[in-house]
Structures are given as C-alpha cells and as structure tokens.
C-alpha cells in the first residue's frame, strides 16, 4: 500500500477518532523503546549479514516501504508523513526508503515487518551471540502491541 493511501487513511482515522490519538502516542512510545532494544541486538550483525545476502529484504519487495496501516499510524505519532524520505535508488524491487547506507527511516519507529525479521541467518547469529531469547521476547511484545493497535483501528 502506498504512503499516499496510508496518509489519507491516517488523516481520516484521526478526524473520526480523535479520542484514540493519545492512545496511539502511548503505544508509539512503547514501540520506540522496543525497537531501540532490537536495534541494539542487530546493529553489529546486520551490516555484514545483509551486505552479503543474496536476497536482502530491503531490495526484494517493490513497495514504498513495508508499512502496514498499523505501524504507519504509530510512525505518525512521532513523525510527519515520510514523503520527502523516499529514495530514488534505481532498484526496481527495492524499498523506497533504502538509502546508500541502509534504511533512511528513523531507527526508533520503523515498520513492524522491518524489525520483526524472520531471517534464518539473522536468527542464527542472534543465537550465536546469546541474544535470540531477548529478541523473541521483544518480538512477542510487538505482537501484543499490534493486536492492541488492530483493536483501535477496527
């Protein structure tokens, strides 16, 4: 789903459900904390692992980011619509937010699919570094939060 469509949905939701905006802000703070914890687990692994991957996630989906309605609404609690962050990188199947040095979206609120990775190689590296249990806990925390968001958006 394109960013323009998500932004339109967000604005409509915001105008029809102003009572939920504060709740989204509270949820966004939880998500930001979890994502910062996840980044600490990943940051010394992904630059090398993803660079050498034959099918890197960020280059294999012709989308405007991996945003879903849920995580876009959370993103908008902290940041303006990311229209100006889109990158023209020439990779037909690449994420629109993939810059020369990786993702250009803020590290604290990235789309859930981007941080809830299911890459076997990454999981193996996390396990080698005794981080997999913590990752799974954070992953499960995001799962619970997604359900909370779905209930608000319904």
C-alpha atoms as a PDB file:
ATOM      1  CA  UNK A   1       0.000   0.000   0.000  1.00  0.00           C
ATOM      2  CA  UNK A   2       1.440   3.387  -0.973  1.00  0.00           C
ATOM      3  CA  UNK A   3       2.349   6.105   1.509  1.00  0.00           C
ATOM      4  CA  UNK A   4      -0.211   8.482  -0.004  1.00  0.00           C
ATOM      5  CA  UNK A   5      -3.013   5.993   0.669  1.00  0.00           C
ATOM      6  CA  UNK A   6      -1.771   5.339   4.216  1.00  0.00           C
ATOM      7  CA  UNK A   7      -1.556   9.059   4.908  1.00  0.00           C
ATOM      8  CA  UNK A   8      -5.106   9.549   3.660  1.00  0.00           C
ATOM      9  CA  UNK A   9      -6.339   6.703   5.887  1.00  0.00           C
ATOM     10  CA  UNK A  10      -4.446   8.167   8.839  1.00  0.00           C
ATOM     11  CA  UNK A  11      -5.999  11.616   8.347  1.00  0.00           C
ATOM     12  CA  UNK A  12      -9.500  10.150   8.027  1.00  0.00           C
ATOM     13  CA  UNK A  13      -8.995   7.997  11.112  1.00  0.00           C
ATOM     14  CA  UNK A  14      -7.632  10.967  13.051  1.00  0.00           C
ATOM     15  CA  UNK A  15     -10.637  13.128  12.189  1.00  0.00           C
ATOM     16  CA  UNK A  16     -13.154  10.392  13.038  1.00  0.00           C
ATOM     17  CA  UNK A  17     -11.411   9.061  16.182  1.00  0.00           C
ATOM     18  CA  UNK A  18      -9.645  11.944  17.941  1.00  0.00           C
ATOM     19  CA  UNK A  19     -10.114  10.183  21.271  1.00  0.00           C
ATOM     20  CA  UNK A  20      -7.669   7.461  20.194  1.00  0.00           C
ATOM     21  CA  UNK A  21      -4.782   9.705  19.171  1.00  0.00           C
ATOM     22  CA  UNK A  22      -3.404   9.943  22.711  1.00  0.00           C
ATOM     23  CA  UNK A  23      -3.546   6.139  22.964  1.00  0.00           C
ATOM     24  CA  UNK A  24      -1.577   5.850  19.704  1.00  0.00           C
ATOM     25  CA  UNK A  25       1.042   8.195  21.167  1.00  0.00           C
ATOM     26  CA  UNK A  26       1.337   5.994  24.264  1.00  0.00           C
ATOM     27  CA  UNK A  27       1.676   2.881  22.114  1.00  0.00           C
ATOM     28  CA  UNK A  28       4.263   4.618  19.925  1.00  0.00           C
ATOM     29  CA  UNK A  29       6.419   5.257  22.981  1.00  0.00           C
ATOM     30  CA  UNK A  30       6.326   1.540  23.828  1.00  0.00           C
ATOM     31  CA  UNK A  31       7.157   0.623  20.239  1.00  0.00           C
ATOM     32  CA  UNK A  32      10.071   3.076  20.150  1.00  0.00           C
ATOM     33  CA  UNK A  33      11.536   1.550  23.304  1.00  0.00           C
ATOM     34  CA  UNK A  34      11.228  -1.984  21.930  1.00  0.00           C
ATOM     35  CA  UNK A  35      12.698  -1.030  18.565  1.00  0.00           C
ATOM     36  CA  UNK A  36      15.686   0.644  20.217  1.00  0.00           C
ATOM     37  CA  UNK A  37      16.264  -2.577  22.162  1.00  0.00           C
ATOM     38  CA  UNK A  38      16.018  -4.575  18.929  1.00  0.00           C
ATOM     39  CA  UNK A  39      18.493  -2.275  17.172  1.00  0.00           C
ATOM     40  CA  UNK A  40      20.992  -2.958  19.945  1.00  0.00           C
ATOM     41  CA  UNK A  41      20.663  -6.660  19.191  1.00  0.00           C
ATOM     42  CA  UNK A  42      21.023  -6.205  15.411  1.00  0.00           C
ATOM     43  CA  UNK A  43      23.400  -3.321  14.812  1.00  0.00           C
ATOM     44  CA  UNK A  44      26.655  -5.255  14.923  1.00  0.00           C
ATOM     45  CA  UNK A  45      25.215  -8.121  12.853  1.00  0.00           C
ATOM     46  CA  UNK A  46      23.070  -6.733  10.024  1.00  0.00           C
ATOM     47  CA  UNK A  47      25.646  -4.542   8.222  1.00  0.00           C
ATOM     48  CA  UNK A  48      27.715  -7.614   7.380  1.00  0.00           C
ATOM     49  CA  UNK A  49      24.975 -10.209   7.171  1.00  0.00           C
ATOM     50  CA  UNK A  50      22.676  -8.161   4.935  1.00  0.00           C
ATOM     51  CA  UNK A  51      25.524  -6.891   2.743  1.00  0.00           C
ATOM     52  CA  UNK A  52      26.477 -10.445   1.821  1.00  0.00           C
ATOM     53  CA  UNK A  53      22.918 -11.762   1.451  1.00  0.00           C
ATOM     54  CA  UNK A  54      21.813 -12.940  -1.993  1.00  0.00           C
ATOM     55  CA  UNK A  55      18.246 -11.709  -1.429  1.00  0.00           C
ATOM     56  CA  UNK A  56      18.349  -8.776   1.018  1.00  0.00           C
ATOM     57  CA  UNK A  57      14.877  -7.940   2.336  1.00  0.00           C
ATOM     58  CA  UNK A  58      15.124  -4.226   1.545  1.00  0.00           C
ATOM     59  CA  UNK A  59      15.915  -4.964  -2.104  1.00  0.00           C
ATOM     60  CA  UNK A  60      13.373  -7.683  -2.811  1.00  0.00           C
ATOM     61  CA  UNK A  61       9.978  -6.020  -2.478  1.00  0.00           C
ATOM     62  CA  UNK A  62       8.805  -3.334  -4.903  1.00  0.00           C
ATOM     63  CA  UNK A  63       6.993  -1.338  -2.244  1.00  0.00           C
ATOM     64  CA  UNK A  64       7.036   2.080  -0.640  1.00  0.00           C
ATOM     65  CA  UNK A  65       8.451   0.659   2.498  1.00  0.00           C
ATOM     66  CA  UNK A  66       6.986  -2.232   4.392  1.00  0.00           C
ATOM     67  CA  UNK A  67       4.450  -0.005   6.150  1.00  0.00           C
ATOM     68  CA  UNK A  68       1.141  -1.505   7.161  1.00  0.00           C
ATOM     69  CA  UNK A  69      -1.728   0.626   8.371  1.00  0.00           C
ATOM     70  CA  UNK A  70      -0.886  -0.316  11.962  1.00  0.00           C
ATOM     71  CA  UNK A  71       2.716   0.719  12.020  1.00  0.00           C
ATOM     72  CA  UNK A  72       2.123   3.756   9.809  1.00  0.00           C
ATOM     73  CA  UNK A  73      -0.300   5.171  12.384  1.00  0.00           C
ATOM     74  CA  UNK A  74       2.333   4.579  15.069  1.00  0.00           C
ATOM     75  CA  UNK A  75       5.019   6.207  12.910  1.00  0.00           C
ATOM     76  CA  UNK A  76       2.806   9.273  12.526  1.00  0.00           C
ATOM     77  CA  UNK A  77       2.655   9.690  16.315  1.00  0.00           C
ATOM     78  CA  UNK A  78       6.297  10.831  16.183  1.00  0.00           C
ATOM     79  CA  UNK A  79       6.989  11.952  12.635  1.00  0.00           C
ATOM     80  CA  UNK A  80       5.496  13.755   9.669  1.00  0.00           C
ATOM     81  CA  UNK A  81       4.447  11.760   6.623  1.00  0.00           C
ATOM     82  CA  UNK A  82       7.667  10.360   5.111  1.00  0.00           C
ATOM     83  CA  UNK A  83       7.132  11.593   1.552  1.00  0.00           C
ATOM     84  CA  UNK A  84      10.437  13.501   1.471  1.00  0.00           C
ATOM     85  CA  UNK A  85      12.387  10.480   2.768  1.00  0.00           C
ATOM     86  CA  UNK A  86      11.691   8.363  -0.304  1.00  0.00           C
ATOM     87  CA  UNK A  87      14.865   7.475  -2.193  1.00  0.00           C
ATOM     88  CA  UNK A  88      15.342   7.152  -5.945  1.00  0.00           C
ATOM     89  CA  UNK A  89      17.904   4.354  -5.924  1.00  0.00           C
ATOM     90  CA  UNK A  90      17.170   2.641  -9.211  1.00  0.00           C
ATOM     91  CA  UNK A  91      16.482  -0.783  -7.684  1.00  0.00           C
ATOM     92  CA  UNK A  92      13.162  -1.838  -9.221  1.00  0.00           C
ATOM     93  CA  UNK A  93      12.406  -4.243  -6.403  1.00  0.00           C
ATOM     94  CA  UNK A  94      13.883  -2.112  -3.614  1.00  0.00           C
ATOM     95  CA  UNK A  95      12.157  -0.422  -0.711  1.00  0.00           C
ATOM     96  CA  UNK A  96      11.559   3.267  -1.320  1.00  0.00           C
ATOM     97  CA  UNK A  97      13.324   4.038   1.973  1.00  0.00           C
ATOM     98  CA  UNK A  98      16.564   2.224   1.170  1.00  0.00           C
ATOM     99  CA  UNK A  99      19.393   4.741   1.062  1.00  0.00           C
ATOM    100  CA  UNK A 100      23.086   4.290   0.256  1.00  0.00           C
ATOM    101  CA  UNK A 101      23.837   3.453   3.886  1.00  0.00           C
ATOM    102  CA  UNK A 102      20.664   1.484   4.599  1.00  0.00           C
ATOM    103  CA  UNK A 103      17.235   2.488   5.831  1.00  0.00           C
ATOM    104  CA  UNK A 104      16.557   6.224   5.939  1.00  0.00           C
ATOM    105  CA  UNK A 105      13.562   5.909   8.270  1.00  0.00           C
ATOM    106  CA  UNK A 106      14.129   6.862  11.926  1.00  0.00           C
ATOM    107  CA  UNK A 107      15.557   3.926  13.892  1.00  0.00           C
ATOM    108  CA  UNK A 108      13.004   4.163  16.690  1.00  0.00           C
ATOM    109  CA  UNK A 109       9.843   3.700  14.632  1.00  0.00           C
ATOM    110  CA  UNK A 110      10.319   1.537  11.571  1.00  0.00           C
ATOM    111  CA  UNK A 111       7.617  -0.651  10.055  1.00  0.00           C
ATOM    112  CA  UNK A 112       6.941  -3.780  12.083  1.00  0.00           C
ATOM    113  CA  UNK A 113       7.918  -6.148   9.233  1.00  0.00           C
ATOM    114  CA  UNK A 114      11.345  -4.478   9.126  1.00  0.00           C
ATOM    115  CA  UNK A 115      12.133  -5.155  12.781  1.00  0.00           C
ATOM    116  CA  UNK A 116      10.247  -8.399  13.208  1.00  0.00           C
ATOM    117  CA  UNK A 117      12.606 -10.152  10.826  1.00  0.00           C
ATOM    118  CA  UNK A 118      12.246 -13.850  10.217  1.00  0.00           C
ATOM    119  CA  UNK A 119      15.606 -14.332   8.526  1.00  0.00           C
ATOM    120  CA  UNK A 120      17.190 -17.642   9.485  1.00  0.00           C
ATOM    121  CA  UNK A 121      20.713 -16.255   9.106  1.00  0.00           C
ATOM    122  CA  UNK A 122      19.938 -13.385  11.482  1.00  0.00           C
ATOM    123  CA  UNK A 123      18.320 -15.724  13.989  1.00  0.00           C
ATOM    124  CA  UNK A 124      21.385 -17.981  13.817  1.00  0.00           C
ATOM    125  CA  UNK A 125      23.676 -15.013  14.504  1.00  0.00           C
ATOM    126  CA  UNK A 126      21.477 -13.852  17.379  1.00  0.00           C
ATOM    127  CA  UNK A 127      21.632 -17.332  18.836  1.00  0.00           C
ATOM    128  CA  UNK A 128      25.446 -17.471  18.498  1.00  0.00           C
ATOM    129  CA  UNK A 129      25.644 -14.201  20.419  1.00  0.00           C
ATOM    130  CA  UNK A 130      23.138 -15.370  23.077  1.00  0.00           C
ATOM    131  CA  UNK A 131      20.606 -12.725  22.008  1.00  0.00           C
ATOM    132  CA  UNK A 132      17.871 -14.877  20.493  1.00  0.00           C
ATOM    133  CA  UNK A 133      15.848 -15.246  23.707  1.00  0.00           C
ATOM    134  CA  UNK A 134      15.795 -11.471  24.187  1.00  0.00           C
ATOM    135  CA  UNK A 135      14.861 -10.972  20.520  1.00  0.00           C
ATOM    136  CA  UNK A 136      11.980 -13.432  20.825  1.00  0.00           C
ATOM    137  CA  UNK A 137      10.713 -11.596  23.908  1.00  0.00           C
ATOM    138  CA  UNK A 138      10.797  -8.244  22.101  1.00  0.00           C
ATOM    139  CA  UNK A 139       9.185  -9.844  19.047  1.00  0.00           C
ATOM    140  CA  UNK A 140       6.351 -11.152  21.234  1.00  0.00           C
ATOM    141  CA  UNK A 141       5.946  -7.720  22.828  1.00  0.00           C
ATOM    142  CA  UNK A 142       5.480  -6.217  19.349  1.00  0.00           C
ATOM    143  CA  UNK A 143       2.932  -8.933  18.528  1.00  0.00           C
ATOM    144  CA  UNK A 144       0.863  -7.906  21.571  1.00  0.00           C
ATOM    145  CA  UNK A 145       1.125  -4.241  20.628  1.00  0.00           C
ATOM    146  CA  UNK A 146       0.000  -4.988  17.069  1.00  0.00           C
ATOM    147  CA  UNK A 147      -3.140  -6.625  18.447  1.00  0.00           C
ATOM    148  CA  UNK A 148      -3.744  -3.557  20.591  1.00  0.00           C
ATOM    149  CA  UNK A 149      -3.441  -1.343  17.505  1.00  0.00           C
ATOM    150  CA  UNK A 150      -5.748  -3.557  15.443  1.00  0.00           C
ATOM    151  CA  UNK A 151      -8.381  -3.179  18.150  1.00  0.00           C
ATOM    152  CA  UNK A 152      -8.097   0.619  17.925  1.00  0.00           C
ATOM    153  CA  UNK A 153      -8.247   0.745  14.133  1.00  0.00           C
ATOM    154  CA  UNK A 154     -11.229  -1.583  13.686  1.00  0.00           C
END
